Structures are given as structure tokens and as C-alpha cells.
PDB file of all heavy atoms in Angstrom:
ATOM      1  N   LEU A   1      -3.930  -3.827  -8.862  1.00  0.00           N
ATOM      2  CA  LEU A   1      -4.153  -4.487  -7.576  1.00  0.00           C
ATOM      3  C   LEU A   1      -3.364  -5.771  -7.478  1.00  0.00           C
ATOM      4  O   LEU A   1      -2.686  -6.044  -6.461  1.00  0.00           O
ATOM      5  CB  LEU A   1      -5.654  -4.731  -7.394  1.00  0.00           C
ATOM      6  CG  LEU A   1      -6.105  -5.252  -5.994  1.00  0.00           C
ATOM      7  CD1 LEU A   1      -7.597  -4.895  -5.792  1.00  0.00           C
ATOM      8  CD2 LEU A   1      -5.919  -6.742  -5.877  1.00  0.00           C
ATOM      9  N   VAL A   2      -3.435  -6.579  -8.518  1.00  0.00           N
ATOM     10  CA  VAL A   2      -2.719  -7.846  -8.546  1.00  0.00           C
ATOM     11  C   VAL A   2      -1.203  -7.626  -8.428  1.00  0.00           C
ATOM     12  O   VAL A   2      -0.525  -8.347  -7.646  1.00  0.00           O
ATOM     13  CB  VAL A   2      -3.030  -8.624  -9.835  1.00  0.00           C
ATOM     14  CG1 VAL A   2      -2.101  -9.839  -9.973  1.00  0.00           C
ATOM     15  CG2 VAL A   2      -4.495  -9.143  -9.820  1.00  0.00           C
ATOM     16  N   GLU A   3      -0.665  -6.653  -9.115  1.00  0.00           N
ATOM     17  CA  GLU A   3       0.749  -6.342  -8.998  1.00  0.00           C
ATOM     18  C   GLU A   3       1.086  -5.929  -7.548  1.00  0.00           C
ATOM     19  O   GLU A   3       2.160  -6.286  -7.015  1.00  0.00           O
ATOM     20  CB  GLU A   3       1.170  -5.256  -9.965  1.00  0.00           C
ATOM     21  CG  GLU A   3       1.171  -5.675 -11.425  1.00  0.00           C
ATOM     22  CD  GLU A   3       2.164  -6.798 -11.697  1.00  0.00           C
ATOM     23  OE1 GLU A   3       3.298  -6.768 -11.182  1.00  0.00           O
ATOM     24  OE2 GLU A   3       1.805  -7.743 -12.470  1.00  0.00           O
ATOM     25  N   GLY A   4       0.173  -5.216  -6.900  1.00  0.00           N
ATOM     26  CA  GLY A   4       0.354  -4.845  -5.497  1.00  0.00           C
ATOM     27  C   GLY A   4       0.380  -6.055  -4.605  1.00  0.00           C
ATOM     28  O   GLY A   4       1.174  -6.077  -3.626  1.00  0.00           O
ATOM     29  N   MET A   5      -0.399  -7.054  -4.908  1.00  0.00           N
ATOM     30  CA  MET A   5      -0.380  -8.275  -4.118  1.00  0.00           C
ATOM     31  C   MET A   5       0.920  -9.050  -4.322  1.00  0.00           C
ATOM     32  O   MET A   5       1.484  -9.662  -3.433  1.00  0.00           O
ATOM     33  CB  MET A   5      -1.567  -9.161  -4.488  1.00  0.00           C
ATOM     34  CG  MET A   5      -2.925  -8.541  -4.174  1.00  0.00           C
ATOM     35  SD  MET A   5      -3.117  -8.004  -2.439  1.00  0.00           S
ATOM     36  CE  MET A   5      -2.754  -6.257  -2.550  1.00  0.00           C
ATOM     37  N   PHE A   6       1.466  -9.004  -5.546  1.00  0.00           N
ATOM     38  CA  PHE A   6       2.768  -9.604  -5.806  1.00  0.00           C
ATOM     39  C   PHE A   6       3.848  -8.868  -5.008  1.00  0.00           C
ATOM     40  O   PHE A   6       4.769  -9.509  -4.469  1.00  0.00           O
ATOM     41  CB  PHE A   6       3.073  -9.561  -7.268  1.00  0.00           C
ATOM     42  CG  PHE A   6       2.232 -10.481  -8.137  1.00  0.00           C
ATOM     43  CD1 PHE A   6       2.268 -10.391  -9.542  1.00  0.00           C
ATOM     44  CD2 PHE A   6       1.467 -11.448  -7.581  1.00  0.00           C
ATOM     45  CE1 PHE A   6       1.515 -11.253 -10.294  1.00  0.00           C
ATOM     46  CE2 PHE A   6       0.670 -12.324  -8.348  1.00  0.00           C
ATOM     47  CZ  PHE A   6       0.712 -12.207  -9.719  1.00  0.00           C
ATOM     48  N   ASP A   7       3.748  -7.527  -4.942  1.00  0.00           N
ATOM     49  CA  ASP A   7       4.719  -6.801  -4.148  1.00  0.00           C
ATOM     50  C   ASP A   7       4.667  -7.258  -2.678  1.00  0.00           C
ATOM     51  O   ASP A   7       5.709  -7.365  -1.999  1.00  0.00           O
ATOM     52  CB  ASP A   7       4.388  -5.299  -4.194  1.00  0.00           C
ATOM     53  CG  ASP A   7       4.751  -4.645  -5.531  1.00  0.00           C
ATOM     54  OD1 ASP A   7       5.522  -5.290  -6.254  1.00  0.00           O
ATOM     55  OD2 ASP A   7       4.246  -3.551  -5.816  1.00  0.00           O
ATOM     56  N   LEU A   8       3.439  -7.492  -2.172  1.00  0.00           N
ATOM     57  CA  LEU A   8       3.289  -7.954  -0.799  1.00  0.00           C
ATOM     58  C   LEU A   8       3.961  -9.312  -0.613  1.00  0.00           C
ATOM     59  O   LEU A   8       4.630  -9.550   0.407  1.00  0.00           O
ATOM     60  CB  LEU A   8       1.806  -8.055  -0.438  1.00  0.00           C
ATOM     61  CG  LEU A   8       1.449  -8.591   0.946  1.00  0.00           C
ATOM     62  CD1 LEU A   8       2.074  -7.725   2.067  1.00  0.00           C
ATOM     63  CD2 LEU A   8      -0.047  -8.716   1.126  1.00  0.00           C
ATOM     64  N   LEU A   9       3.764 -10.197  -1.578  1.00  0.00           N
ATOM     65  CA  LEU A   9       4.418 -11.528  -1.468  1.00  0.00           C
ATOM     66  C   LEU A   9       5.935 -11.408  -1.426  1.00  0.00           C
ATOM     67  O   LEU A   9       6.588 -12.220  -0.804  1.00  0.00           O
ATOM     68  CB  LEU A   9       4.006 -12.399  -2.677  1.00  0.00           C
ATOM     69  CG  LEU A   9       2.579 -13.004  -2.663  1.00  0.00           C
ATOM     70  CD1 LEU A   9       2.256 -13.652  -3.974  1.00  0.00           C
ATOM     71  CD2 LEU A   9       2.460 -14.031  -1.517  1.00  0.00           C
ATOM     72  N   GLU A  10       6.481 -10.356  -2.091  1.00  0.00           N
ATOM     73  CA  GLU A  10       7.891 -10.186  -2.083  1.00  0.00           C
ATOM     74  C   GLU A  10       8.393  -9.307  -0.943  1.00  0.00           C
ATOM     75  O   GLU A  10       9.566  -9.028  -0.824  1.00  0.00           O
ATOM     76  CB  GLU A  10       8.327  -9.499  -3.408  1.00  0.00           C
ATOM     77  CG  GLU A  10       8.137 -10.376  -4.638  1.00  0.00           C
ATOM     78  CD  GLU A  10       8.551  -9.682  -5.929  1.00  0.00           C
ATOM     79  OE1 GLU A  10       8.575  -8.419  -5.949  1.00  0.00           O
ATOM     80  OE2 GLU A  10       8.869 -10.375  -6.901  1.00  0.00           O
ATOM     81  N   GLY A  11       7.454  -8.874  -0.065  1.00  0.00           N
ATOM     82  CA  GLY A  11       7.814  -8.013   1.076  1.00  0.00           C
ATOM     83  C   GLY A  11       8.124  -6.605   0.647  1.00  0.00           C
ATOM     84  O   GLY A  11       8.821  -5.905   1.345  1.00  0.00           O
ATOM     85  N   LYS A  12       7.552  -6.166  -0.456  1.00  0.00           N
ATOM     86  CA  LYS A  12       7.805  -4.803  -0.971  1.00  0.00           C
ATOM     87  C   LYS A  12       6.568  -3.940  -0.967  1.00  0.00           C
ATOM     88  O   LYS A  12       6.476  -2.983  -1.690  1.00  0.00           O
ATOM     89  CB  LYS A  12       8.350  -4.909  -2.427  1.00  0.00           C
ATOM     90  CG  LYS A  12       9.647  -5.681  -2.528  1.00  0.00           C
ATOM     91  CD  LYS A  12      10.060  -5.837  -4.024  1.00  0.00           C
ATOM     92  CE  LYS A  12      11.334  -6.629  -4.169  1.00  0.00           C
ATOM     93  NZ  LYS A  12      11.691  -6.843  -5.579  1.00  0.00           N
ATOM     94  N   GLU A  13       5.614  -4.276  -0.101  1.00  0.00           N
ATOM     95  CA  GLU A  13       4.349  -3.540  -0.081  1.00  0.00           C
ATOM     96  C   GLU A  13       4.569  -2.080   0.381  1.00  0.00           C
ATOM     97  O   GLU A  13       5.526  -1.752   1.075  1.00  0.00           O
ATOM     98  CB  GLU A  13       3.371  -4.232   0.846  1.00  0.00           C
ATOM     99  CG  GLU A  13       3.725  -4.146   2.335  1.00  0.00           C
ATOM    100  CD  GLU A  13       4.720  -5.185   2.839  1.00  0.00           C
ATOM    101  OE1 GLU A  13       5.272  -5.928   2.007  1.00  0.00           O
ATOM    102  OE2 GLU A  13       4.938  -5.260   4.061  1.00  0.00           O
ATOM    103  N   LYS A  14       3.653  -1.209  -0.041  1.00  0.00           N
ATOM    104  CA  LYS A  14       3.680   0.196   0.315  1.00  0.00           C
ATOM    105  C   LYS A  14       2.755   0.416   1.513  1.00  0.00           C
ATOM    106  O   LYS A  14       1.695  -0.201   1.594  1.00  0.00           O
ATOM    107  CB  LYS A  14       3.205   1.086  -0.852  1.00  0.00           C
ATOM    108  CG  LYS A  14       4.013   0.926  -2.110  1.00  0.00           C
ATOM    109  CD  LYS A  14       5.466   1.348  -1.923  1.00  0.00           C
ATOM    110  CE  LYS A  14       6.215   1.256  -3.253  1.00  0.00           C
ATOM    111  NZ  LYS A  14       7.645   1.594  -3.080  1.00  0.00           N
ATOM    112  N   HIS A  15       3.154   1.312   2.416  1.00  0.00           N
ATOM    113  CA  HIS A  15       2.388   1.560   3.637  1.00  0.00           C
ATOM    114  C   HIS A  15       1.804   2.977   3.618  1.00  0.00           C
ATOM    115  O   HIS A  15       2.328   3.869   2.946  1.00  0.00           O
ATOM    116  CB  HIS A  15       3.242   1.377   4.871  1.00  0.00           C
ATOM    117  CG  HIS A  15       3.552  -0.046   5.150  1.00  0.00           C
ATOM    118  ND1 HIS A  15       2.851  -0.800   6.054  1.00  0.00           N
ATOM    119  CD2 HIS A  15       4.447  -0.920   4.587  1.00  0.00           C
ATOM    120  CE1 HIS A  15       3.331  -2.007   6.130  1.00  0.00           C
ATOM    121  NE2 HIS A  15       4.310  -2.141   5.229  1.00  0.00           N
ATOM    122  N   CYS A  16       0.744   3.217   4.386  1.00  0.00           N
ATOM    123  CA  CYS A  16       0.075   4.498   4.408  1.00  0.00           C
ATOM    124  C   CYS A  16      -0.746   4.662   5.677  1.00  0.00           C
ATOM    125  O   CYS A  16      -0.926   3.751   6.475  1.00  0.00           O
ATOM    126  CB  CYS A  16      -0.848   4.606   3.188  1.00  0.00           C
ATOM    127  SG  CYS A  16      -2.259   3.451   3.268  1.00  0.00           S
ATOM    128  N   GLU A  17      -1.270   5.870   5.791  1.00  0.00           N
ATOM    129  CA  GLU A  17      -2.270   6.195   6.779  1.00  0.00           C
ATOM    130  C   GLU A  17      -3.420   6.892   6.019  1.00  0.00           C
ATOM    131  O   GLU A  17      -3.338   7.102   4.801  1.00  0.00           O
ATOM    132  CB  GLU A  17      -1.730   7.140   7.899  1.00  0.00           C
ATOM    133  CG  GLU A  17      -0.664   6.478   8.764  1.00  0.00           C
ATOM    134  CD  GLU A  17      -1.213   5.456   9.746  1.00  0.00           C
ATOM    135  OE1 GLU A  17      -2.464   5.332   9.840  1.00  0.00           O
ATOM    136  OE2 GLU A  17      -0.410   4.806  10.386  1.00  0.00           O
ATOM    137  N   PHE A  18      -4.484   7.272   6.752  1.00  0.00           N
ATOM    138  CA  PHE A  18      -5.614   7.928   6.089  1.00  0.00           C
ATOM    139  C   PHE A  18      -5.974   9.231   6.773  1.00  0.00           C
ATOM    140  O   PHE A  18      -6.030   9.328   7.975  1.00  0.00           O
ATOM    141  CB  PHE A  18      -6.830   6.982   6.050  1.00  0.00           C
ATOM    142  CG  PHE A  18      -6.679   5.859   5.063  1.00  0.00           C
ATOM    143  CD1 PHE A  18      -6.090   4.671   5.453  1.00  0.00           C
ATOM    144  CD2 PHE A  18      -7.111   6.032   3.771  1.00  0.00           C
ATOM    145  CE1 PHE A  18      -5.909   3.655   4.537  1.00  0.00           C
ATOM    146  CE2 PHE A  18      -6.952   5.012   2.877  1.00  0.00           C
ATOM    147  CZ  PHE A  18      -6.361   3.821   3.220  1.00  0.00           C
ATOM    148  N   ASP A  19      -6.188  10.249   5.933  1.00  0.00           N
ATOM    149  CA  ASP A  19      -6.714  11.520   6.391  1.00  0.00           C
ATOM    150  C   ASP A  19      -8.106  11.617   5.791  1.00  0.00           C
ATOM    151  O   ASP A  19      -8.269  12.045   4.665  1.00  0.00           O
ATOM    152  CB  ASP A  19      -5.818  12.649   5.879  1.00  0.00           C
ATOM    153  CG  ASP A  19      -6.333  14.022   6.348  1.00  0.00           C
ATOM    154  OD1 ASP A  19      -7.263  14.078   7.131  1.00  0.00           O
ATOM    155  OD2 ASP A  19      -5.795  15.028   5.877  1.00  0.00           O
ATOM    156  N   GLY A  20      -9.115  11.193   6.562  1.00  0.00           N
ATOM    157  CA  GLY A  20     -10.431  11.014   5.988  1.00  0.00           C
ATOM    158  C   GLY A  20     -10.374   9.880   4.984  1.00  0.00           C
ATOM    159  O   GLY A  20      -9.948   8.796   5.320  1.00  0.00           O
ATOM    160  N   VAL A  21     -10.780  10.156   3.747  1.00  0.00           N
ATOM    161  CA  VAL A  21     -10.738   9.150   2.711  1.00  0.00           C
ATOM    162  C   VAL A  21      -9.472   9.271   1.878  1.00  0.00           C
ATOM    163  O   VAL A  21      -9.249   8.447   0.925  1.00  0.00           O
ATOM    164  CB  VAL A  21     -11.960   9.212   1.774  1.00  0.00           C
ATOM    165  CG1 VAL A  21     -13.224   8.914   2.567  1.00  0.00           C
ATOM    166  CG2 VAL A  21     -12.039  10.540   1.077  1.00  0.00           C
ATOM    167  N   GLU A  22      -8.592  10.205   2.148  1.00  0.00           N
ATOM    168  CA  GLU A  22      -7.377  10.406   1.395  1.00  0.00           C
ATOM    169  C   GLU A  22      -6.243   9.533   1.912  1.00  0.00           C
ATOM    170  O   GLU A  22      -5.990   9.474   3.125  1.00  0.00           O
ATOM    171  CB  GLU A  22      -6.939  11.894   1.427  1.00  0.00           C
ATOM    172  CG  GLU A  22      -7.926  12.827   0.754  1.00  0.00           C
ATOM    173  CD  GLU A  22      -8.119  12.549  -0.720  1.00  0.00           C
ATOM    174  OE1 GLU A  22      -7.084  12.235  -1.403  1.00  0.00           O
ATOM    175  OE2 GLU A  22      -9.268  12.612  -1.208  1.00  0.00           O
ATOM    176  N   THR A  23      -5.586   8.847   0.967  1.00  0.00           N
ATOM    177  CA  THR A  23      -4.420   8.031   1.329  1.00  0.00           C
ATOM    178  C   THR A  23      -3.190   8.901   1.467  1.00  0.00           C
ATOM    179  O   THR A  23      -2.858   9.697   0.591  1.00  0.00           O
ATOM    180  CB  THR A  23      -4.197   6.977   0.226  1.00  0.00           C
ATOM    181  OG1 THR A  23      -5.369   6.186   0.029  1.00  0.00           O
ATOM    182  CG2 THR A  23      -3.029   6.083   0.594  1.00  0.00           C
ATOM    183  N   VAL A  24      -2.507   8.730   2.605  1.00  0.00           N
ATOM    184  CA  VAL A  24      -1.278   9.460   2.852  1.00  0.00           C
ATOM    185  C   VAL A  24      -0.144   8.445   2.987  1.00  0.00           C
ATOM    186  O   VAL A  24      -0.102   7.654   3.921  1.00  0.00           O
ATOM    187  CB  VAL A  24      -1.383  10.301   4.151  1.00  0.00           C
ATOM    188  CG1 VAL A  24      -0.077  11.042   4.403  1.00  0.00           C
ATOM    189  CG2 VAL A  24      -2.586  11.246   4.101  1.00  0.00           C
ATOM    190  N   MET A  25       0.757   8.471   2.011  1.00  0.00           N
ATOM    191  CA  MET A  25       1.884   7.533   1.992  1.00  0.00           C
ATOM    192  C   MET A  25       2.758   7.721   3.265  1.00  0.00           C
ATOM    193  O   MET A  25       3.112   8.887   3.558  1.00  0.00           O
ATOM    194  CB  MET A  25       2.697   7.649   0.744  1.00  0.00           C
ATOM    195  CG  MET A  25       1.930   7.422  -0.554  1.00  0.00           C
ATOM    196  SD  MET A  25       1.053   5.858  -0.640  1.00  0.00           S
ATOM    197  CE  MET A  25       2.448   4.731  -0.635  1.00  0.00           C
ATOM    198  N   LYS A  26       3.077   6.658   3.954  1.00  0.00           N
ATOM    199  CA  LYS A  26       3.913   6.733   5.127  1.00  0.00           C
ATOM    200  C   LYS A  26       4.631   5.431   5.309  1.00  0.00           C
ATOM    201  O   LYS A  26       4.014   4.362   5.356  1.00  0.00           O
ATOM    202  CB  LYS A  26       3.050   7.049   6.364  1.00  0.00           C
ATOM    203  CG  LYS A  26       3.813   7.356   7.600  1.00  0.00           C
ATOM    204  CD  LYS A  26       2.899   7.747   8.756  1.00  0.00           C
ATOM    205  CE  LYS A  26       3.706   8.096  10.020  1.00  0.00           C
ATOM    206  NZ  LYS A  26       2.788   8.423  11.162  1.00  0.00           N
TER     207      LYS A  26
END
């Protein structure tokens, strides 16, 4: 999670949508 927050600070975050509770990368 912390590494993901560092990615966000660098503008490299990953995006997604949700199909119910399943994460769908988009």
C-alpha cells in the first residue's frame, strides 16, 4: 500500500473500475 502511495506521489498510480467487488484494471 505504501509503495502504491509513493507511485501516486510520482504520478504513476494505477487506475481501475469495479465489477461488483472485483477490481478491473483500466
